[in-house]
């Protein structure tokens, strides 16, 4: 499940990048005043659709990030490599109490 979520996360990230790149720039009004207007290649209402799409993809990205954190934490069997080493050393040679 974790691998599938990671693949889904990467796809959402790529889609988000693409949607952000194809959005029309904020400087269109100034460009039209100078006579070098660049209209959107996808039509007049593209800005609103792309803005909504960006918001939806961003929300999905954030929720998937949280889900990955929860699933990844539950998959962890031990806390750290140092704890694994200490446990294996304790199993090999148990500590004897000191004599008084």
Protein backbone atom coordinates (compact mmCIF):
# COMPACT_ATOMS: atom_id res chain seq x y z
CA UNK A 1 0.00 0.00 0.00
CA UNK A 2 2.85 2.35 0.83
CA UNK A 3 4.41 1.92 -2.61
CA UNK A 4 1.09 2.59 -4.33
CA UNK A 5 0.66 5.77 -2.28
CA UNK A 6 4.17 6.90 -3.21
CA UNK A 7 3.48 6.37 -6.91
CA UNK A 8 0.17 8.24 -6.58
CA UNK A 9 2.00 11.04 -4.76
CA UNK A 10 4.54 11.37 -7.56
CA UNK A 11 1.80 11.49 -10.20
CA UNK A 12 -0.11 14.16 -8.29
CA UNK A 13 3.10 16.18 -7.95
CA UNK A 14 3.74 15.98 -11.71
CA UNK A 15 0.16 16.98 -12.52
CA UNK A 16 0.40 19.89 -10.10
CA UNK A 17 3.61 21.09 -11.74
CA UNK A 18 2.08 20.86 -15.22
CA UNK A 19 -1.10 22.71 -14.20
CA UNK A 20 0.92 25.50 -12.57
CA UNK A 21 3.18 25.87 -15.61
CA UNK A 22 0.33 26.18 -18.14
CA UNK A 23 -1.49 28.87 -16.14
CA UNK A 24 -1.52 32.29 -17.78
CA UNK A 25 0.81 34.83 -16.23
CA UNK A 26 -0.28 37.76 -14.07
CA UNK A 27 1.37 40.28 -16.37
CA UNK A 28 -1.02 39.81 -19.29
CA UNK A 29 -2.66 43.22 -18.79
CA UNK A 30 0.63 45.06 -19.06
CA UNK A 31 1.62 43.09 -22.13
CA UNK A 32 -1.63 44.00 -23.89
CA UNK A 33 -1.02 47.70 -23.28
CA UNK A 34 2.27 47.45 -25.13
CA UNK A 35 0.74 45.62 -28.05
CA UNK A 36 2.42 42.30 -27.32
CA UNK A 37 -0.56 40.50 -25.84
CA UNK A 38 -0.29 36.80 -25.37
CA UNK A 39 -3.67 35.15 -24.96
CA UNK A 40 -4.22 31.79 -23.40
CA UNK A 41 -3.85 28.94 -25.82
CA UNK A 42 -6.78 27.11 -24.18
CA UNK A 43 -9.48 29.82 -24.26
CA UNK A 44 -10.76 32.71 -22.18
CA UNK A 45 -12.11 30.79 -19.16
CA UNK A 46 -8.97 28.75 -18.72
CA UNK A 47 -7.74 30.79 -15.78
CA UNK A 48 -10.67 29.91 -13.53
CA UNK A 49 -10.55 26.22 -14.43
CA UNK A 50 -6.80 26.00 -13.89
CA UNK A 51 -7.06 27.82 -10.56
CA UNK A 52 -9.70 25.37 -9.31
CA UNK A 53 -7.69 22.43 -10.62
CA UNK A 54 -4.59 23.70 -8.85
CA UNK A 55 -6.50 24.03 -5.57
CA UNK A 56 -7.96 20.53 -5.86
CA UNK A 57 -4.63 18.94 -6.77
CA UNK A 58 -2.94 20.83 -3.93
CA UNK A 59 -5.52 19.54 -1.43
CA UNK A 60 -5.12 15.97 -2.70
CA UNK A 61 -1.33 16.33 -2.47
CA UNK A 62 -1.55 17.51 1.16
CA UNK A 63 -4.00 14.77 2.18
CA UNK A 64 -1.86 12.13 0.50
CA UNK A 65 1.19 13.49 2.34
CA UNK A 66 -0.60 13.07 5.65
CA UNK A 67 -1.75 9.59 4.69
CA UNK A 68 1.81 8.63 3.71
CA UNK A 69 3.03 9.84 7.10
CA UNK A 70 0.45 7.76 8.98
CA UNK A 71 1.03 4.61 6.91
CA UNK A 72 4.81 5.03 7.04
CA UNK A 73 4.78 5.41 10.81
CA UNK A 74 2.69 2.27 11.26
CA UNK A 75 5.03 0.32 8.97
CA UNK A 76 8.07 1.11 11.08
CA UNK A 77 9.02 -1.86 13.25
CA UNK A 78 11.78 -0.21 15.24
CA UNK A 79 12.60 3.36 16.09
CA UNK A 80 16.21 3.66 14.97
CA UNK A 81 19.31 1.82 13.88
CA UNK A 82 21.01 2.62 17.19
CA UNK A 83 18.25 0.84 19.12
CA UNK A 84 18.62 -2.22 16.87
CA UNK A 85 22.37 -2.36 17.59
CA UNK A 86 21.85 -2.00 21.33
CA UNK A 87 19.20 -4.75 21.34
CA UNK A 88 21.43 -7.16 19.43
CA UNK A 89 24.36 -6.48 21.77
CA UNK A 90 22.16 -7.07 24.81
CA UNK A 91 20.97 -10.36 23.35
CA UNK A 92 24.54 -11.55 22.70
CA UNK A 93 25.99 -10.67 26.09
CA UNK A 94 23.53 -9.92 28.88
CA UNK A 95 24.75 -7.45 31.45
CA UNK A 96 25.72 -9.08 34.76
CA UNK A 97 24.99 -7.22 37.99
CA UNK A 98 28.02 -5.76 39.71
CA UNK A 99 29.29 -7.52 42.87
CA UNK A 100 29.34 -5.57 46.11
